[in-house]
């Protein structure tokens, strides 16, 4: 008895319009068949080594930073004079301007790199809000810092993060179905890396 994947399509597919005329579930099935007979894409060279390096660095870094944060929280002085204060803030703002300009350019030109710069810009805006508010405590600038963070920096960061998530979700949704994977893709936190090809189905010999 034939399995569901061995069933015939309702239409013979010889042209693009034939594919468009298929029901959605049969288009998914056709894409899955094509993905299964195609040679699986090989991972990029060195991918296994880089994955191990990232996993090691991220794990060790997280474990080391926990006691380090606890140590700093009880040993750092409440006030500190720094000779590089102006350079630090000017450098940070230059990086923020560069990220925002790159975001605007990639958005205008509809470049795929917009995903990366949206995320970078959002993170920098959150950092800017955090340091502005925390470092202005007890000064006359605290009200302006809180208003700037609440009305400008954080709303912009939320907009960038939301746009990044929507674009990434749309991209993975398209790739998911192009790879012939059935059903709706899972949430991003549960989705496997799409560079890893699905396990091909071996036809029964009986």
N, C-alpha and C. Protein backbone atom coordinates (compact mmCIF):
# COMPACT_ATOMS: atom_id res chain seq x y z
N UNK A 1 0.85 -1.20 0.00
CA UNK A 1 0.00 0.00 0.00
C UNK A 1 0.88 1.24 0.00
N UNK A 2 0.58 2.21 -0.85
CA UNK A 2 1.41 3.40 -0.95
C UNK A 2 1.23 4.30 0.25
N UNK A 3 2.32 4.91 0.71
CA UNK A 3 2.24 5.89 1.79
C UNK A 3 1.73 7.20 1.23
N UNK A 4 1.44 8.16 2.13
CA UNK A 4 0.89 9.44 1.67
C UNK A 4 1.88 10.17 0.78
N UNK A 5 3.20 10.02 1.05
CA UNK A 5 4.20 10.68 0.23
C UNK A 5 4.34 10.04 -1.14
N UNK A 6 3.79 8.84 -1.34
CA UNK A 6 3.88 8.16 -2.62
C UNK A 6 2.62 8.35 -3.45
N UNK A 7 1.64 9.06 -2.92
CA UNK A 7 0.42 9.29 -3.65
C UNK A 7 0.67 10.24 -4.81
N UNK A 8 -0.18 10.14 -5.82
CA UNK A 8 -0.06 11.02 -6.97
C UNK A 8 -0.62 12.40 -6.65
N UNK A 9 -0.08 13.40 -7.34
CA UNK A 9 -0.66 14.73 -7.26
C UNK A 9 -1.95 14.74 -8.06
N UNK A 10 -2.80 15.69 -7.74
CA UNK A 10 -4.10 15.75 -8.43
C UNK A 10 -3.97 16.25 -9.86
N UNK A 11 -2.83 16.93 -10.17
CA UNK A 11 -2.59 17.44 -11.52
C UNK A 11 -1.19 17.05 -11.96
N UNK A 12 -1.03 16.85 -13.26
CA UNK A 12 0.31 16.66 -13.81
C UNK A 12 0.99 18.02 -13.88
N UNK A 13 2.20 18.11 -13.34
CA UNK A 13 2.90 19.39 -13.26
C UNK A 13 3.94 19.46 -14.37
N UNK A 14 3.67 20.30 -15.37
CA UNK A 14 4.63 20.50 -16.47
C UNK A 14 4.96 21.97 -16.67
N UNK A 15 4.18 22.87 -16.11
CA UNK A 15 4.42 24.30 -16.27
C UNK A 15 4.28 24.99 -14.91
N UNK A 16 4.67 26.25 -14.88
CA UNK A 16 4.54 27.05 -13.66
C UNK A 16 3.08 27.17 -13.23
N UNK A 17 2.20 27.36 -14.19
CA UNK A 17 0.79 27.50 -13.86
C UNK A 17 0.21 26.22 -13.29
N UNK A 18 0.75 25.07 -13.72
CA UNK A 18 0.32 23.79 -13.13
C UNK A 18 0.65 23.77 -11.64
N UNK A 19 1.84 24.24 -11.30
CA UNK A 19 2.24 24.27 -9.89
C UNK A 19 1.32 25.19 -9.10
N UNK A 20 1.02 26.36 -9.65
CA UNK A 20 0.15 27.31 -8.95
C UNK A 20 -1.26 26.75 -8.78
N UNK A 21 -1.69 25.86 -9.69
CA UNK A 21 -3.04 25.31 -9.60
C UNK A 21 -3.17 24.21 -8.56
N UNK A 22 -2.06 23.69 -8.07
CA UNK A 22 -2.12 22.62 -7.07
C UNK A 22 -2.63 23.17 -5.74
N UNK A 23 -3.35 22.36 -4.98
CA UNK A 23 -3.71 22.77 -3.62
C UNK A 23 -2.45 22.99 -2.78
N UNK A 24 -2.58 23.78 -1.71
CA UNK A 24 -1.41 24.16 -0.91
C UNK A 24 -0.70 22.94 -0.34
N UNK A 25 -1.47 21.93 0.13
CA UNK A 25 -0.82 20.76 0.72
C UNK A 25 -0.05 19.96 -0.33
N UNK A 26 -0.55 19.96 -1.58
CA UNK A 26 0.16 19.24 -2.63
C UNK A 26 1.40 20.01 -3.09
N UNK A 27 1.36 21.35 -3.06
CA UNK A 27 2.57 22.12 -3.36
C UNK A 27 3.64 21.84 -2.32
N UNK A 28 3.23 21.76 -1.05
CA UNK A 28 4.20 21.43 0.00
C UNK A 28 4.77 20.03 -0.23
N UNK A 29 3.91 19.09 -0.62
CA UNK A 29 4.37 17.73 -0.86
C UNK A 29 5.35 17.69 -2.03
N UNK A 30 5.04 18.44 -3.10
CA UNK A 30 5.93 18.48 -4.26
C UNK A 30 7.29 19.07 -3.88
N UNK A 31 7.27 20.15 -3.11
CA UNK A 31 8.53 20.75 -2.67
C UNK A 31 9.32 19.78 -1.80
N UNK A 32 8.62 19.02 -0.97
CA UNK A 32 9.30 18.04 -0.12
C UNK A 32 9.93 16.94 -0.96
N UNK A 33 9.22 16.47 -1.97
CA UNK A 33 9.78 15.44 -2.86
C UNK A 33 11.05 15.95 -3.54
N UNK A 34 10.98 17.19 -4.04
CA UNK A 34 12.16 17.76 -4.73
C UNK A 34 13.33 17.88 -3.77
N UNK A 35 13.06 18.34 -2.52
CA UNK A 35 14.13 18.48 -1.53
C UNK A 35 14.75 17.14 -1.19
N UNK A 36 13.93 16.08 -1.19
CA UNK A 36 14.43 14.76 -0.82
C UNK A 36 15.32 14.15 -1.90
N UNK A 37 15.01 14.43 -3.17
CA UNK A 37 15.81 13.82 -4.23
C UNK A 37 17.02 14.67 -4.58
N UNK A 38 17.01 15.95 -4.19
CA UNK A 38 18.18 16.78 -4.42
C UNK A 38 19.30 16.35 -3.49
N UNK A 39 20.52 16.57 -3.92
CA UNK A 39 21.67 16.27 -3.08
C UNK A 39 21.69 17.26 -1.91
N UNK A 40 21.73 16.81 -0.67
CA UNK A 40 21.71 17.74 0.46
C UNK A 40 22.88 18.70 0.39
N UNK A 41 22.60 19.97 0.71
CA UNK A 41 23.65 20.97 0.69
C UNK A 41 24.65 20.70 1.81
N UNK A 42 25.91 20.74 1.45
CA UNK A 42 26.96 20.52 2.44
C UNK A 42 27.09 21.75 3.33
N UNK A 43 27.33 21.58 4.63
CA UNK A 43 27.56 22.74 5.49
C UNK A 43 28.77 23.52 5.00
N UNK A 44 28.82 24.83 5.26
CA UNK A 44 29.99 25.62 4.85
C UNK A 44 31.27 25.05 5.44
N UNK A 45 32.40 25.22 4.75
CA UNK A 45 33.67 24.70 5.28
C UNK A 45 33.98 25.25 6.67
N UNK A 46 34.36 24.38 7.56
CA UNK A 46 34.69 24.80 8.91
C UNK A 46 33.50 25.08 9.80
N UNK A 47 32.27 24.75 9.33
CA UNK A 47 31.08 25.07 10.12
C UNK A 47 31.08 24.34 11.45
N UNK A 48 31.49 23.07 11.46
CA UNK A 48 31.49 22.30 12.70
C UNK A 48 32.48 22.90 13.71
N UNK A 49 33.66 23.31 13.21
CA UNK A 49 34.66 23.89 14.11
C UNK A 49 34.19 25.23 14.66
N UNK A 50 33.60 26.08 13.81
CA UNK A 50 33.13 27.38 14.28
C UNK A 50 31.99 27.22 15.27
N UNK A 51 31.11 26.24 15.03
CA UNK A 51 30.01 26.01 15.97
C UNK A 51 30.55 25.62 17.34
N UNK A 52 31.57 24.76 17.35
CA UNK A 52 32.17 24.35 18.62
C UNK A 52 32.86 25.52 19.30
N UNK A 53 33.53 26.37 18.52
CA UNK A 53 34.20 27.54 19.10
C UNK A 53 33.19 28.49 19.73
N UNK A 54 32.11 28.78 18.99
CA UNK A 54 31.09 29.70 19.52
C UNK A 54 30.43 29.11 20.76
N UNK A 55 30.11 27.83 20.71
CA UNK A 55 29.48 27.18 21.86
C UNK A 55 30.39 27.24 23.08
N UNK A 56 31.68 26.98 22.89
CA UNK A 56 32.63 27.00 24.00
C UNK A 56 32.79 28.40 24.58
N UNK A 57 33.02 29.38 23.70
CA UNK A 57 33.23 30.76 24.15
C UNK A 57 32.00 31.30 24.87
N UNK A 58 30.81 31.07 24.29
CA UNK A 58 29.58 31.59 24.90
C UNK A 58 29.31 30.95 26.25
N UNK A 59 29.52 29.64 26.35
CA UNK A 59 29.25 28.94 27.60
C UNK A 59 30.24 29.37 28.68
N UNK A 60 31.53 29.35 28.35
CA UNK A 60 32.55 29.74 29.33
C UNK A 60 32.37 31.20 29.73
N UNK A 61 32.09 32.06 28.74
CA UNK A 61 31.91 33.48 29.05
C UNK A 61 30.76 33.72 30.00
N UNK A 62 29.62 33.04 29.77
CA UNK A 62 28.47 33.21 30.65
C UNK A 62 28.77 32.72 32.06
N UNK A 63 29.45 31.57 32.17
CA UNK A 63 29.76 31.03 33.48
C UNK A 63 30.75 31.89 34.25
N UNK A 64 31.73 32.44 33.54
CA UNK A 64 32.74 33.28 34.20
C UNK A 64 32.16 34.62 34.62
N UNK A 65 31.26 35.19 33.81
CA UNK A 65 30.74 36.51 34.09
C UNK A 65 29.81 36.55 35.30
N UNK A 66 29.17 35.45 35.64
CA UNK A 66 28.25 35.47 36.79
C UNK A 66 28.99 35.81 38.08
N UNK A 67 30.05 35.11 38.46
CA UNK A 67 30.78 35.52 39.68
C UNK A 67 31.46 36.86 39.53
N UNK A 68 31.88 37.21 38.31
CA UNK A 68 32.53 38.50 38.10
C UNK A 68 31.55 39.65 38.36
N UNK A 69 30.31 39.51 37.91
CA UNK A 69 29.29 40.53 38.17
C UNK A 69 29.02 40.65 39.67
N UNK A 70 28.94 39.52 40.34
CA UNK A 70 28.73 39.55 41.79
C UNK A 70 29.88 40.27 42.50
N UNK A 71 31.10 40.01 42.05
CA UNK A 71 32.28 40.65 42.64
C UNK A 71 32.25 42.16 42.40
N UNK A 72 31.94 42.58 41.18
CA UNK A 72 31.91 44.01 40.87
C UNK A 72 30.82 44.73 41.65
N UNK A 73 29.69 44.04 41.86
CA UNK A 73 28.57 44.70 42.54
C UNK A 73 28.89 45.08 43.98
N UNK A 74 29.88 44.44 44.57
CA UNK A 74 30.22 44.76 45.97
C UNK A 74 31.57 45.47 46.10
N UNK A 75 32.33 45.56 45.02
CA UNK A 75 33.66 46.16 45.13
C UNK A 75 33.81 47.47 44.38
N UNK A 76 33.02 47.70 43.35
CA UNK A 76 33.16 48.93 42.58
C UNK A 76 32.72 50.14 43.40
N UNK A 77 33.43 51.27 43.30
CA UNK A 77 33.01 52.49 44.03
C UNK A 77 31.76 53.09 43.40
N UNK A 78 31.01 53.82 44.20
CA UNK A 78 29.81 54.48 43.69
C UNK A 78 30.15 55.60 42.72
N UNK A 79 31.32 56.22 42.88
CA UNK A 79 31.76 57.29 42.00
C UNK A 79 33.15 56.96 41.47
N UNK A 80 33.40 57.40 40.24
CA UNK A 80 34.70 57.10 39.63
C UNK A 80 35.02 58.18 38.61
N UNK A 81 36.23 58.67 38.66
CA UNK A 81 36.69 59.69 37.71
C UNK A 81 37.45 59.02 36.58
N UNK A 82 37.04 59.34 35.36
CA UNK A 82 37.66 58.71 34.20
C UNK A 82 38.19 59.77 33.25
N UNK A 83 39.41 59.58 32.80
CA UNK A 83 40.00 60.53 31.86
C UNK A 83 39.51 60.33 30.44
N UNK A 84 38.90 59.18 30.17
CA UNK A 84 38.44 58.90 28.81
C UNK A 84 36.95 59.08 28.64
N UNK A 85 36.29 59.82 29.53
CA UNK A 85 34.83 59.96 29.51
C UNK A 85 34.34 60.52 28.18
N UNK A 86 34.94 61.63 27.74
CA UNK A 86 34.49 62.27 26.50
C UNK A 86 34.71 61.34 25.30
N UNK A 87 35.88 60.73 25.25
CA UNK A 87 36.18 59.83 24.12
C UNK A 87 35.23 58.64 24.10
N UNK A 88 34.92 58.10 25.28
CA UNK A 88 34.03 56.94 25.34
C UNK A 88 32.64 57.28 24.79
N UNK A 89 32.08 58.42 25.21
CA UNK A 89 30.74 58.77 24.77
C UNK A 89 30.71 59.20 23.31
N UNK A 90 31.71 59.97 22.88
CA UNK A 90 31.76 60.37 21.47
C UNK A 90 31.91 59.14 20.58
N UNK A 91 32.78 58.19 20.98
CA UNK A 91 32.95 56.97 20.20
C UNK A 91 31.67 56.16 20.13
N UNK A 92 30.96 56.08 21.27
CA UNK A 92 29.70 55.34 21.28
C UNK A 92 28.68 55.99 20.36
N UNK A 93 28.57 57.31 20.41
CA UNK A 93 27.60 58.01 19.57
C UNK A 93 27.96 57.89 18.09
N UNK A 94 29.26 57.87 17.77
CA UNK A 94 29.66 57.66 16.38
C UNK A 94 29.21 56.28 15.90
N UNK A 95 29.38 55.27 16.77
CA UNK A 95 28.93 53.92 16.41
C UNK A 95 27.42 53.89 16.23
N UNK A 96 26.68 54.59 17.08
CA UNK A 96 25.22 54.62 16.98
C UNK A 96 24.78 55.31 15.69
N UNK A 97 25.42 56.43 15.36
CA UNK A 97 25.08 57.13 14.12
C UNK A 97 25.37 56.24 12.91
N UNK A 98 26.51 55.54 12.94
CA UNK A 98 26.86 54.65 11.83
C UNK A 98 25.84 53.53 11.69
N UNK A 99 25.38 52.97 12.81
CA UNK A 99 24.40 51.89 12.77
C UNK A 99 23.06 52.41 12.23
N UNK A 100 22.63 53.58 12.69
CA UNK A 100 21.36 54.14 12.21
C UNK A 100 21.44 54.48 10.72
N UNK A 101 22.59 55.03 10.29
CA UNK A 101 22.75 55.35 8.87
C UNK A 101 22.73 54.08 8.02
N UNK A 102 23.39 53.04 8.52
CA UNK A 102 23.39 51.76 7.78
C UNK A 102 21.98 51.18 7.73
N UNK A 103 21.22 51.32 8.82
CA UNK A 103 19.84 50.83 8.84
C UNK A 103 18.99 51.57 7.82
N UNK A 104 19.15 52.90 7.77
CA UNK A 104 18.39 53.69 6.81
C UNK A 104 18.75 53.31 5.37
N UNK A 105 20.05 53.15 5.11
CA UNK A 105 20.48 52.83 3.74
C UNK A 105 20.00 51.45 3.32
N UNK A 106 20.15 50.46 4.19
CA UNK A 106 19.72 49.10 3.86
C UNK A 106 18.21 49.02 3.69
N UNK A 107 17.49 49.81 4.48
CA UNK A 107 16.03 49.84 4.33
C UNK A 107 15.64 50.48 3.00
N UNK A 108 16.30 51.59 2.65
CA UNK A 108 16.00 52.28 1.40
C UNK A 108 16.30 51.39 0.20
N UNK A 109 17.43 50.68 0.25
CA UNK A 109 17.86 49.85 -0.87
C UNK A 109 17.31 48.42 -0.80
N UNK A 110 16.57 48.12 0.26
CA UNK A 110 16.00 46.78 0.45
C UNK A 110 17.08 45.70 0.41
N UNK A 111 18.11 45.90 1.21
CA UNK A 111 19.21 44.97 1.27
C UNK A 111 19.00 43.96 2.40
N UNK A 112 19.46 42.74 2.17
CA UNK A 112 19.31 41.69 3.18
C UNK A 112 20.05 42.02 4.47
N UNK A 113 21.11 42.82 4.36
CA UNK A 113 21.89 43.21 5.55
C UNK A 113 21.07 44.02 6.54
N UNK A 114 19.87 44.46 6.15
CA UNK A 114 19.05 45.23 7.09
C UNK A 114 18.74 44.42 8.34
N UNK A 115 18.68 43.09 8.22
CA UNK A 115 18.44 42.26 9.40
C UNK A 115 19.51 42.49 10.45
N UNK A 116 20.77 42.48 10.02
CA UNK A 116 21.88 42.65 10.95
C UNK A 116 21.89 44.05 11.56
N UNK A 117 21.74 45.08 10.73
CA UNK A 117 21.86 46.44 11.25
C UNK A 117 20.64 46.84 12.08
N UNK A 118 19.47 46.28 11.81
CA UNK A 118 18.33 46.52 12.70
C UNK A 118 18.62 46.03 14.11
N UNK A 119 19.19 44.84 14.21
CA UNK A 119 19.50 44.27 15.51
C UNK A 119 20.59 45.07 16.21
N UNK A 120 21.64 45.44 15.48
CA UNK A 120 22.74 46.23 16.08
C UNK A 120 22.23 47.58 16.55
N UNK A 121 21.43 48.26 15.73
CA UNK A 121 20.91 49.57 16.11
C UNK A 121 20.02 49.48 17.34
N UNK A 122 19.17 48.47 17.39
CA UNK A 122 18.30 48.30 18.56
C UNK A 122 19.10 48.08 19.83
N UNK A 123 20.13 47.24 19.77
CA UNK A 123 20.96 46.98 20.96
C UNK A 123 21.68 48.25 21.40
N UNK A 124 22.23 49.00 20.45
CA UNK A 124 22.94 50.23 20.80
C UNK A 124 22.00 51.26 21.41
N UNK A 125 20.77 51.35 20.93
CA UNK A 125 19.79 52.28 21.50
C UNK A 125 19.45 51.90 22.94
N UNK A 126 19.28 50.61 23.20
CA UNK A 126 19.01 50.16 24.57
C UNK A 126 20.19 50.48 25.48
N UNK A 127 21.40 50.24 25.01
CA UNK A 127 22.60 50.56 25.80
C UNK A 127 22.69 52.06 26.06
N UNK A 128 22.39 52.87 25.04
CA UNK A 128 22.44 54.32 25.19
C UNK A 128 21.44 54.78 26.26
N UNK A 129 20.22 54.23 26.21
CA UNK A 129 19.22 54.59 27.20
C UNK A 129 19.66 54.19 28.61
N UNK A 130 20.18 52.98 28.72
CA UNK A 130 20.61 52.47 30.03
C UNK A 130 21.70 53.35 30.65
N UNK A 131 22.75 53.63 29.90
CA UNK A 131 23.86 54.41 30.45
C UNK A 131 23.47 55.86 30.69
N UNK A 132 22.64 56.43 29.81
CA UNK A 132 22.19 57.81 30.03
C UNK A 132 21.45 57.94 31.35
N UNK A 133 20.52 57.02 31.60
CA UNK A 133 19.70 57.11 32.81
C UNK A 133 20.52 56.79 34.05
N UNK A 134 21.27 55.71 34.01
CA UNK A 134 22.01 55.30 35.20
C UNK A 134 23.09 56.30 35.57
N UNK A 135 23.82 56.81 34.59
CA UNK A 135 24.94 57.70 34.88
C UNK A 135 24.51 59.14 35.15
N UNK A 136 23.25 59.44 34.93
CA UNK A 136 22.77 60.80 35.23
C UNK A 136 22.04 60.88 36.57
N UNK A 137 21.94 59.77 37.27
CA UNK A 137 21.25 59.77 38.56
C UNK A 137 21.93 60.74 39.52
N UNK A 138 21.10 61.53 40.24
CA UNK A 138 21.62 62.49 41.20
C UNK A 138 22.10 63.79 40.57
N UNK A 139 21.89 63.95 39.25
CA UNK A 139 22.31 65.18 38.60
C UNK A 139 21.09 65.88 38.00
N UNK A 140 21.33 67.08 37.49
CA UNK A 140 20.23 67.84 36.89
C UNK A 140 19.81 67.28 35.54
N UNK A 141 20.56 66.33 35.01
CA UNK A 141 20.28 65.79 33.68
C UNK A 141 19.40 64.55 33.72
N UNK A 142 19.02 64.09 34.91
CA UNK A 142 18.31 62.82 35.01
C UNK A 142 16.94 62.87 34.34
N UNK A 143 16.22 64.01 34.49
CA UNK A 143 14.89 64.10 33.90
C UNK A 143 14.97 64.05 32.38
N UNK A 144 15.90 64.79 31.81
CA UNK A 144 16.07 64.77 30.35
C UNK A 144 16.48 63.38 29.87
N UNK A 145 17.33 62.70 30.64
CA UNK A 145 17.77 61.36 30.25
C UNK A 145 16.61 60.37 30.26
N UNK A 146 15.77 60.44 31.30
CA UNK A 146 14.62 59.54 31.40
C UNK A 146 13.64 59.80 30.26
N UNK A 147 13.36 61.08 29.97
CA UNK A 147 12.43 61.41 28.90
C UNK A 147 12.97 60.97 27.54
N UNK A 148 14.26 61.18 27.31
CA UNK A 148 14.86 60.77 26.04
C UNK A 148 14.81 59.26 25.88
N UNK A 149 15.09 58.56 26.98
CA UNK A 149 15.06 57.10 26.92
C UNK A 149 13.64 56.59 26.67
N UNK A 150 12.66 57.14 27.42
CA UNK A 150 11.29 56.65 27.34
C UNK A 150 10.55 57.06 26.09
N UNK A 151 10.90 58.22 25.52
CA UNK A 151 10.15 58.74 24.38
C UNK A 151 10.85 58.54 23.04
N UNK A 152 12.15 58.31 23.07
CA UNK A 152 12.90 58.22 21.80
C UNK A 152 13.64 56.90 21.68
N UNK A 153 14.60 56.68 22.58
CA UNK A 153 15.53 55.57 22.40
C UNK A 153 14.86 54.20 22.52
N UNK A 154 14.11 53.99 23.60
CA UNK A 154 13.49 52.67 23.77
C UNK A 154 12.38 52.40 22.76
N UNK A 155 11.50 53.37 22.44
CA UNK A 155 10.52 53.09 21.38
C UNK A 155 11.17 52.77 20.03
N UNK A 156 12.26 53.48 19.70
CA UNK A 156 12.96 53.16 18.46
C UNK A 156 13.55 51.75 18.50
N UNK A 157 14.12 51.39 19.66
CA UNK A 157 14.69 50.05 19.79
C UNK A 157 13.61 48.98 19.62
N UNK A 158 12.44 49.21 20.22
CA UNK A 158 11.33 48.25 20.08
C UNK A 158 10.91 48.15 18.62
N UNK A 159 10.84 49.28 17.92
CA UNK A 159 10.49 49.27 16.50
C UNK A 159 11.50 48.45 15.70
N UNK A 160 12.78 48.65 15.97
CA UNK A 160 13.82 47.92 15.25
C UNK A 160 13.76 46.42 15.55
N UNK A 161 13.60 46.08 16.83
CA UNK A 161 13.53 44.66 17.20
C UNK A 161 12.31 43.99 16.57
N UNK A 162 11.16 44.69 16.60
CA UNK A 162 9.94 44.11 16.01
C UNK A 162 10.10 43.94 14.50
N UNK A 163 10.71 44.93 13.83
CA UNK A 163 10.94 44.82 12.39
C UNK A 163 11.89 43.67 12.08
N UNK A 164 12.94 43.55 12.88
CA UNK A 164 13.90 42.45 12.71
C UNK A 164 13.19 41.10 12.84
N UNK A 165 12.34 40.97 13.87
CA UNK A 165 11.65 39.70 14.08
C UNK A 165 10.70 39.38 12.94
N UNK A 166 9.96 40.38 12.46
CA UNK A 166 9.02 40.13 11.36
C UNK A 166 9.75 39.72 10.09
N UNK A 167 10.84 40.41 9.77
CA UNK A 167 11.59 40.07 8.57
C UNK A 167 12.22 38.69 8.67
N UNK A 168 12.79 38.39 9.84
CA UNK A 168 13.41 37.08 10.02
C UNK A 168 12.36 35.98 9.95
N UNK A 169 11.20 36.24 10.54
CA UNK A 169 10.14 35.24 10.52
C UNK A 169 9.64 35.00 9.09
N UNK A 170 9.48 36.08 8.32
CA UNK A 170 9.03 35.94 6.93
C UNK A 170 10.06 35.19 6.09
N UNK A 171 11.33 35.49 6.32
CA UNK A 171 12.39 34.82 5.57
C UNK A 171 12.43 33.33 5.88
N UNK A 172 12.39 32.99 7.15
CA UNK A 172 12.45 31.58 7.52
C UNK A 172 11.19 30.83 7.07
N UNK A 173 10.04 31.52 7.07
CA UNK A 173 8.80 30.90 6.58
C UNK A 173 8.95 30.53 5.11
N UNK A 174 9.53 31.43 4.32
CA UNK A 174 9.72 31.16 2.89
C UNK A 174 10.70 30.01 2.68
N UNK A 175 11.83 30.06 3.38
CA UNK A 175 12.84 29.02 3.22
C UNK A 175 12.31 27.67 3.71
N UNK A 176 11.54 27.68 4.79
CA UNK A 176 10.97 26.45 5.33
C UNK A 176 10.18 25.70 4.26
N UNK A 177 9.33 26.44 3.55
CA UNK A 177 8.49 25.78 2.54
C UNK A 177 9.28 25.48 1.27
N UNK A 178 10.27 26.30 0.93
CA UNK A 178 11.10 25.99 -0.23
C UNK A 178 11.92 24.72 0.00
N UNK A 179 12.25 24.44 1.26
CA UNK A 179 12.96 23.21 1.57
C UNK A 179 12.02 22.00 1.60
N UNK A 180 10.73 22.25 1.44
CA UNK A 180 9.78 21.15 1.40
C UNK A 180 9.40 20.63 2.77
N UNK A 181 9.61 21.41 3.81
CA UNK A 181 9.25 20.95 5.15
C UNK A 181 7.76 21.20 5.38
N UNK A 182 7.04 20.21 5.88
CA UNK A 182 5.57 20.30 5.94
C UNK A 182 5.09 21.21 7.06
N UNK A 183 3.87 21.71 6.90
CA UNK A 183 3.21 22.49 7.95
C UNK A 183 3.83 23.86 8.12
N UNK A 184 3.37 24.55 9.17
CA UNK A 184 3.89 25.87 9.49
C UNK A 184 5.19 25.74 10.27
N UNK A 185 6.16 26.63 10.03
CA UNK A 185 7.42 26.55 10.77
C UNK A 185 7.19 26.84 12.25
N UNK A 186 7.98 26.23 13.13
CA UNK A 186 7.82 26.47 14.57
C UNK A 186 8.33 27.86 14.94
N UNK A 187 8.11 28.30 16.17
CA UNK A 187 8.70 29.57 16.61
C UNK A 187 10.21 29.56 16.44
N UNK A 188 10.79 30.73 16.28
CA UNK A 188 12.22 30.83 15.99
C UNK A 188 13.07 30.16 17.07
N UNK A 189 12.61 30.24 18.33
CA UNK A 189 13.42 29.67 19.42
C UNK A 189 13.46 28.15 19.36
N UNK A 190 12.52 27.53 18.63
CA UNK A 190 12.48 26.07 18.50
C UNK A 190 12.92 25.60 17.11
N UNK A 191 13.12 26.53 16.19
CA UNK A 191 13.40 26.15 14.80
C UNK A 191 14.86 25.72 14.65
N UNK A 192 15.09 24.57 14.03
CA UNK A 192 16.48 24.16 13.76
C UNK A 192 17.10 25.06 12.70
N UNK A 193 18.43 25.08 12.67
CA UNK A 193 19.12 25.85 11.63
C UNK A 193 18.68 25.34 10.25
N UNK A 194 18.25 26.25 9.40
CA UNK A 194 17.75 25.84 8.09
C UNK A 194 18.86 25.45 7.15
N UNK A 195 20.12 25.71 7.52
CA UNK A 195 21.24 25.24 6.70
C UNK A 195 21.38 23.73 6.77
N UNK A 196 20.82 23.13 7.84
CA UNK A 196 20.91 21.69 8.00
C UNK A 196 19.78 21.05 7.18
N UNK A 197 20.10 20.24 6.17
CA UNK A 197 19.05 19.68 5.32
C UNK A 197 18.19 18.69 6.08
N UNK A 198 16.90 18.57 5.71
CA UNK A 198 16.05 17.59 6.36
C UNK A 198 16.51 16.17 6.03
N UNK A 199 16.21 15.25 6.93
CA UNK A 199 16.59 13.85 6.71
C UNK A 199 15.77 13.30 5.55
N UNK A 200 16.43 12.81 4.49
CA UNK A 200 15.67 12.31 3.34
C UNK A 200 14.90 11.05 3.68
N UNK A 201 13.76 10.92 3.05
CA UNK A 201 12.95 9.71 3.25
C UNK A 201 13.41 8.64 2.29
N UNK A 202 13.78 7.48 2.81
CA UNK A 202 14.24 6.37 1.98
C UNK A 202 13.04 5.56 1.52
N UNK A 203 12.81 5.46 0.20
CA UNK A 203 11.64 4.71 -0.29
C UNK A 203 11.71 3.25 0.14
N UNK A 204 10.54 2.70 0.40
CA UNK A 204 10.47 1.27 0.78
C UNK A 204 10.80 0.39 -0.41
N UNK A 205 11.56 -0.65 -0.17
CA UNK A 205 11.95 -1.58 -1.23
C UNK A 205 10.92 -2.69 -1.46
N UNK A 206 9.93 -2.75 -0.57
CA UNK A 206 8.93 -3.81 -0.70
C UNK A 206 7.84 -3.41 -1.68
